[in-house]
Amino acid sequence: TSSHTRVGVLNNPSSKIKEDNTAIARGILAAFLTQNNSNLKSFLSKLSKEETAKSLAAGTKIVKFLIPGMDGDTFEKKYNTLGLDLIKTQQMFCQEVLKLLPGQMAVISNGR
């Protein structure tokens, strides 16, 4: 959030939700819940890169991608305890309420 923009993320995966294919989604959620805005923005930029996704898929731990200034201990604790239920709930919301197809992306705006 800032005086100009607020950002939120809802996950709408197209594949079965499992620990090994939700590293980025859980990383985003953990960062939103534990980090300040400046660190969050930098971390999300790093996390959204294709090479980061490939590295995580190859088994690299997400803590390798933390940026200086992040509260790494708090992030790691939240990341490791964040269950898959939240992602499943978001998926259901996207598909049942927003009527998105599995994996379909959308931008939702609620301007002032």
N, C-alpha and C. Protein backbone atom coordinates (compact mmCIF):
# COMPACT_ATOMS: atom_id res chain seq x y z
N THR A 1 0.84 -1.18 0.00
CA THR A 1 0.00 0.00 0.00
C THR A 1 0.89 1.24 0.00
N SER A 2 0.41 2.28 -0.60
CA SER A 2 1.05 3.58 -0.56
C SER A 2 -0.08 4.60 -0.62
N SER A 3 0.26 5.85 -0.67
CA SER A 3 -0.79 6.85 -0.76
C SER A 3 -1.46 6.82 -2.13
N HIS A 4 -0.86 6.11 -3.09
CA HIS A 4 -1.38 6.09 -4.45
C HIS A 4 -1.91 4.72 -4.89
N THR A 5 -1.32 3.66 -4.39
CA THR A 5 -1.64 2.33 -4.91
C THR A 5 -1.67 1.29 -3.80
N ARG A 6 -2.57 0.34 -3.94
CA ARG A 6 -2.59 -0.84 -3.07
C ARG A 6 -2.55 -2.05 -3.97
N VAL A 7 -1.81 -3.05 -3.56
CA VAL A 7 -1.69 -4.26 -4.35
C VAL A 7 -2.02 -5.45 -3.47
N GLY A 8 -2.75 -6.36 -4.02
CA GLY A 8 -3.04 -7.63 -3.37
C GLY A 8 -2.89 -8.73 -4.40
N VAL A 9 -2.72 -9.94 -3.96
CA VAL A 9 -2.54 -11.07 -4.86
C VAL A 9 -3.49 -12.18 -4.45
N LEU A 10 -4.19 -12.73 -5.43
CA LEU A 10 -5.01 -13.92 -5.23
C LEU A 10 -4.44 -15.00 -6.15
N ASN A 11 -4.27 -16.18 -5.62
CA ASN A 11 -3.72 -17.29 -6.40
C ASN A 11 -4.85 -18.06 -7.06
N ASN A 12 -4.67 -18.36 -8.34
CA ASN A 12 -5.62 -19.14 -9.12
C ASN A 12 -4.86 -20.17 -9.95
N PRO A 13 -4.23 -21.13 -9.29
CA PRO A 13 -3.40 -22.09 -10.02
C PRO A 13 -4.22 -23.00 -10.92
N SER A 14 -3.58 -23.48 -11.97
CA SER A 14 -4.24 -24.38 -12.90
C SER A 14 -3.94 -25.84 -12.57
N SER A 15 -2.93 -26.08 -11.76
CA SER A 15 -2.56 -27.46 -11.42
C SER A 15 -2.91 -27.75 -9.97
N LYS A 16 -2.80 -29.03 -9.61
CA LYS A 16 -3.08 -29.45 -8.24
C LYS A 16 -2.11 -28.74 -7.29
N ILE A 17 -2.64 -28.23 -6.19
CA ILE A 17 -1.85 -27.46 -5.23
C ILE A 17 -1.08 -28.42 -4.32
N LYS A 18 0.26 -28.31 -4.38
CA LYS A 18 1.15 -29.13 -3.56
C LYS A 18 2.28 -28.26 -3.03
N GLU A 19 2.97 -28.74 -2.02
CA GLU A 19 4.10 -27.99 -1.45
C GLU A 19 5.14 -27.64 -2.51
N ASP A 20 5.48 -28.60 -3.36
CA ASP A 20 6.58 -28.38 -4.30
C ASP A 20 6.25 -27.46 -5.47
N ASN A 21 4.98 -27.18 -5.72
CA ASN A 21 4.67 -26.27 -6.83
C ASN A 21 4.06 -24.95 -6.38
N THR A 22 4.20 -24.65 -5.08
CA THR A 22 3.64 -23.39 -4.57
C THR A 22 4.69 -22.51 -3.89
N ALA A 23 5.96 -22.74 -4.18
CA ALA A 23 7.02 -21.98 -3.51
C ALA A 23 6.87 -20.48 -3.74
N ILE A 24 6.61 -20.08 -4.96
CA ILE A 24 6.49 -18.64 -5.25
C ILE A 24 5.23 -18.07 -4.61
N ALA A 25 4.11 -18.78 -4.73
CA ALA A 25 2.87 -18.30 -4.12
C ALA A 25 3.01 -18.17 -2.62
N ARG A 26 3.62 -19.15 -1.96
CA ARG A 26 3.81 -19.09 -0.51
C ARG A 26 4.82 -18.01 -0.15
N GLY A 27 5.83 -17.80 -1.00
CA GLY A 27 6.80 -16.74 -0.77
C GLY A 27 6.17 -15.36 -0.84
N ILE A 28 5.28 -15.17 -1.81
CA ILE A 28 4.57 -13.90 -1.94
C ILE A 28 3.70 -13.66 -0.72
N LEU A 29 2.93 -14.67 -0.34
CA LEU A 29 2.05 -14.52 0.83
C LEU A 29 2.85 -14.25 2.10
N ALA A 30 3.93 -14.99 2.31
CA ALA A 30 4.75 -14.79 3.50
C ALA A 30 5.36 -13.40 3.51
N ALA A 31 5.78 -12.92 2.36
CA ALA A 31 6.36 -11.58 2.28
C ALA A 31 5.32 -10.51 2.59
N PHE A 32 4.11 -10.64 2.02
CA PHE A 32 3.04 -9.69 2.31
C PHE A 32 2.74 -9.64 3.81
N LEU A 33 2.82 -10.78 4.46
CA LEU A 33 2.47 -10.85 5.88
C LEU A 33 3.60 -10.42 6.83
N THR A 34 4.83 -10.36 6.35
CA THR A 34 5.94 -10.14 7.27
C THR A 34 6.86 -8.96 6.96
N GLN A 35 6.77 -8.38 5.78
CA GLN A 35 7.76 -7.38 5.38
C GLN A 35 7.17 -5.99 5.21
N ASN A 36 8.03 -4.97 5.29
CA ASN A 36 7.56 -3.61 5.04
C ASN A 36 7.50 -3.36 3.54
N ASN A 37 6.87 -2.27 3.15
CA ASN A 37 6.59 -2.02 1.73
C ASN A 37 7.82 -1.95 0.84
N SER A 38 8.88 -1.29 1.28
CA SER A 38 10.05 -1.16 0.41
C SER A 38 10.73 -2.51 0.19
N ASN A 39 10.85 -3.30 1.24
CA ASN A 39 11.44 -4.63 1.07
C ASN A 39 10.52 -5.54 0.27
N LEU A 40 9.24 -5.41 0.49
CA LEU A 40 8.27 -6.23 -0.22
C LEU A 40 8.37 -6.01 -1.72
N LYS A 41 8.40 -4.77 -2.14
CA LYS A 41 8.46 -4.45 -3.57
C LYS A 41 9.72 -5.04 -4.21
N SER A 42 10.86 -4.88 -3.57
CA SER A 42 12.11 -5.40 -4.11
C SER A 42 12.10 -6.93 -4.16
N PHE A 43 11.60 -7.55 -3.11
CA PHE A 43 11.55 -9.00 -3.06
C PHE A 43 10.61 -9.56 -4.13
N LEU A 44 9.44 -8.95 -4.29
CA LEU A 44 8.49 -9.42 -5.30
C LEU A 44 9.06 -9.27 -6.71
N SER A 45 9.81 -8.21 -6.94
CA SER A 45 10.46 -8.04 -8.25
C SER A 45 11.45 -9.17 -8.50
N LYS A 46 12.20 -9.53 -7.49
CA LYS A 46 13.17 -10.61 -7.61
C LYS A 46 12.47 -11.96 -7.78
N LEU A 47 11.40 -12.16 -7.04
CA LEU A 47 10.67 -13.42 -7.06
C LEU A 47 9.94 -13.64 -8.39
N SER A 48 9.61 -12.57 -9.09
CA SER A 48 8.84 -12.69 -10.33
C SER A 48 9.69 -12.96 -11.56
N LYS A 49 10.98 -13.08 -11.40
CA LYS A 49 11.85 -13.34 -12.54
C LYS A 49 11.84 -14.82 -12.92
N GLU A 50 11.92 -15.06 -14.21
CA GLU A 50 11.88 -16.43 -14.74
C GLU A 50 13.01 -17.29 -14.18
N GLU A 51 14.20 -16.72 -14.05
CA GLU A 51 15.33 -17.50 -13.54
C GLU A 51 15.13 -17.89 -12.07
N THR A 52 14.42 -17.06 -11.32
CA THR A 52 14.10 -17.39 -9.93
C THR A 52 13.16 -18.59 -9.89
N ALA A 53 12.13 -18.58 -10.74
CA ALA A 53 11.18 -19.69 -10.79
C ALA A 53 11.89 -20.98 -11.17
N LYS A 54 12.78 -20.92 -12.14
CA LYS A 54 13.52 -22.12 -12.56
C LYS A 54 14.42 -22.62 -11.43
N SER A 55 15.06 -21.70 -10.73
CA SER A 55 15.94 -22.08 -9.63
C SER A 55 15.16 -22.73 -8.49
N LEU A 56 14.01 -22.16 -8.15
CA LEU A 56 13.16 -22.75 -7.10
C LEU A 56 12.65 -24.13 -7.52
N ALA A 57 12.28 -24.28 -8.78
CA ALA A 57 11.81 -25.57 -9.28
C ALA A 57 12.93 -26.62 -9.23
N ALA A 58 14.17 -26.16 -9.34
CA ALA A 58 15.31 -27.07 -9.30
C ALA A 58 15.72 -27.42 -7.87
N GLY A 59 15.07 -26.80 -6.88
CA GLY A 59 15.33 -27.16 -5.49
C GLY A 59 16.03 -26.12 -4.65
N THR A 60 16.32 -24.95 -5.20
CA THR A 60 16.95 -23.89 -4.42
C THR A 60 15.96 -23.42 -3.35
N LYS A 61 16.45 -23.21 -2.15
CA LYS A 61 15.61 -22.73 -1.05
C LYS A 61 15.28 -21.26 -1.26
N ILE A 62 14.07 -20.89 -0.92
CA ILE A 62 13.60 -19.52 -1.16
C ILE A 62 14.39 -18.48 -0.37
N VAL A 63 14.94 -18.87 0.76
CA VAL A 63 15.70 -17.91 1.57
C VAL A 63 16.93 -17.38 0.84
N LYS A 64 17.38 -18.08 -0.19
CA LYS A 64 18.52 -17.61 -0.99
C LYS A 64 18.16 -16.32 -1.73
N PHE A 65 16.87 -16.06 -1.93
CA PHE A 65 16.44 -14.90 -2.70
C PHE A 65 16.04 -13.71 -1.83
N LEU A 66 16.17 -13.83 -0.51
CA LEU A 66 15.85 -12.70 0.36
C LEU A 66 16.80 -11.55 0.06
N ILE A 67 16.29 -10.35 0.21
CA ILE A 67 17.09 -9.17 -0.08
C ILE A 67 17.57 -8.55 1.24
N PRO A 68 18.67 -7.79 1.18
CA PRO A 68 19.15 -7.12 2.39
C PRO A 68 18.07 -6.22 2.98
N GLY A 69 17.93 -6.28 4.28
CA GLY A 69 16.93 -5.47 4.98
C GLY A 69 15.67 -6.24 5.33
N MET A 70 15.47 -7.38 4.69
CA MET A 70 14.29 -8.19 5.02
C MET A 70 14.49 -8.86 6.37
N ASP A 71 13.40 -9.05 7.08
CA ASP A 71 13.43 -9.81 8.32
C ASP A 71 13.36 -11.29 7.94
N GLY A 72 14.53 -11.86 7.71
CA GLY A 72 14.63 -13.22 7.20
C GLY A 72 14.06 -14.28 8.12
N ASP A 73 14.29 -14.13 9.43
CA ASP A 73 13.78 -15.12 10.37
C ASP A 73 12.26 -15.15 10.40
N THR A 74 11.65 -13.96 10.45
CA THR A 74 10.19 -13.87 10.46
C THR A 74 9.61 -14.40 9.15
N PHE A 75 10.24 -14.02 8.04
CA PHE A 75 9.78 -14.51 6.74
C PHE A 75 9.86 -16.04 6.68
N GLU A 76 11.00 -16.58 7.04
CA GLU A 76 11.19 -18.04 6.94
C GLU A 76 10.22 -18.81 7.83
N LYS A 77 9.97 -18.30 9.02
CA LYS A 77 9.02 -18.97 9.92
C LYS A 77 7.62 -18.97 9.30
N LYS A 78 7.18 -17.82 8.77
CA LYS A 78 5.86 -17.72 8.15
C LYS A 78 5.79 -18.61 6.91
N TYR A 79 6.83 -18.58 6.09
CA TYR A 79 6.88 -19.38 4.87
C TYR A 79 6.76 -20.88 5.19
N ASN A 80 7.46 -21.32 6.20
CA ASN A 80 7.48 -22.74 6.55
C ASN A 80 6.21 -23.21 7.23
N THR A 81 5.44 -22.29 7.82
CA THR A 81 4.21 -22.69 8.52
C THR A 81 2.95 -22.35 7.74
N LEU A 82 3.11 -21.68 6.62
CA LEU A 82 1.97 -21.30 5.79
C LEU A 82 1.45 -22.54 5.09
N GLY A 83 0.25 -22.92 5.42
CA GLY A 83 -0.35 -24.11 4.82
C GLY A 83 -0.87 -23.85 3.42
N LEU A 84 -1.31 -24.89 2.79
CA LEU A 84 -1.85 -24.79 1.44
C LEU A 84 -3.32 -24.39 1.42
N ASP A 85 -3.96 -24.41 2.59
CA ASP A 85 -5.39 -24.09 2.65
C ASP A 85 -5.69 -22.67 2.17
N LEU A 86 -4.83 -21.72 2.47
CA LEU A 86 -5.05 -20.34 2.04
C LEU A 86 -5.03 -20.25 0.51
N ILE A 87 -4.10 -20.94 -0.12
CA ILE A 87 -4.03 -20.93 -1.58
C ILE A 87 -5.26 -21.61 -2.17
N LYS A 88 -5.69 -22.71 -1.56
CA LYS A 88 -6.89 -23.40 -2.03
C LYS A 88 -8.13 -22.52 -1.89
N THR A 89 -8.21 -21.77 -0.79
CA THR A 89 -9.34 -20.85 -0.59
C THR A 89 -9.33 -19.75 -1.64
N GLN A 90 -8.16 -19.22 -1.93
CA GLN A 90 -8.06 -18.19 -2.95
C GLN A 90 -8.45 -18.74 -4.32
N GLN A 91 -8.03 -19.97 -4.60
CA GLN A 91 -8.38 -20.61 -5.86
C GLN A 91 -9.90 -20.76 -5.98
N MET A 92 -10.54 -21.20 -4.90
CA MET A 92 -11.99 -21.35 -4.91
C MET A 92 -12.67 -20.00 -5.13
N PHE A 93 -12.20 -18.95 -4.46
CA PHE A 93 -12.77 -17.61 -4.64
C PHE A 93 -12.65 -17.16 -6.10
N CYS A 94 -11.47 -17.35 -6.66
CA CYS A 94 -11.26 -16.93 -8.05
C CYS A 94 -12.21 -17.65 -9.01
N GLN A 95 -12.41 -18.93 -8.77
CA GLN A 95 -13.20 -19.71 -9.70
C GLN A 95 -14.70 -19.63 -9.43
N GLU A 96 -15.10 -19.59 -8.16
CA GLU A 96 -16.52 -19.58 -7.83
C GLU A 96 -17.13 -18.18 -7.82
N VAL A 97 -16.41 -17.21 -7.31
CA VAL A 97 -16.95 -15.84 -7.19
C VAL A 97 -16.59 -14.99 -8.40
N LEU A 98 -15.31 -15.02 -8.77
CA LEU A 98 -14.87 -14.19 -9.90
C LEU A 98 -15.10 -14.87 -11.25
N LYS A 99 -15.45 -16.14 -11.21
CA LYS A 99 -15.76 -16.92 -12.42
C LYS A 99 -14.58 -17.01 -13.38
N LEU A 100 -13.37 -17.12 -12.81
CA LEU A 100 -12.18 -17.32 -13.61
C LEU A 100 -11.97 -18.81 -13.85
N LEU A 101 -11.42 -19.14 -14.99
CA LEU A 101 -11.03 -20.52 -15.27
C LEU A 101 -9.75 -20.83 -14.50
N PRO A 102 -9.46 -22.09 -14.21
CA PRO A 102 -8.21 -22.42 -13.52
C PRO A 102 -7.01 -21.84 -14.28
N GLY A 103 -6.17 -21.11 -13.57
CA GLY A 103 -4.98 -20.50 -14.16
C GLY A 103 -5.22 -19.18 -14.86
N GLN A 104 -6.47 -18.78 -15.04
CA GLN A 104 -6.76 -17.53 -15.73
C GLN A 104 -6.36 -16.36 -14.85
N MET A 105 -5.77 -15.33 -15.46
CA MET A 105 -5.35 -14.15 -14.73
C MET A 105 -6.35 -13.01 -14.95
N ALA A 106 -6.39 -12.10 -13.98
CA ALA A 106 -7.27 -10.94 -14.09
C ALA A 106 -6.69 -9.82 -13.24
N VAL A 107 -7.07 -8.62 -13.55
CA VAL A 107 -6.75 -7.45 -12.73
C VAL A 107 -8.09 -6.92 -12.24
N ILE A 108 -8.17 -6.75 -10.95
CA ILE A 108 -9.39 -6.23 -10.33
C ILE A 108 -9.06 -4.88 -9.74
N SER A 109 -9.86 -3.90 -10.02
CA SER A 109 -9.63 -2.55 -9.52
C SER A 109 -10.82 -2.08 -8.72
N ASN A 110 -10.54 -1.47 -7.61
CA ASN A 110 -11.58 -0.88 -6.78
C ASN A 110 -11.10 0.53 -6.43
N GLY A 111 -11.24 1.43 -7.38
CA GLY A 111 -10.73 2.78 -7.19
C GLY A 111 -11.53 3.58 -6.21
N ARG A 112 -10.92 4.62 -5.69
CA ARG A 112 -11.60 5.52 -4.76
C ARG A 112 -12.27 6.63 -5.52
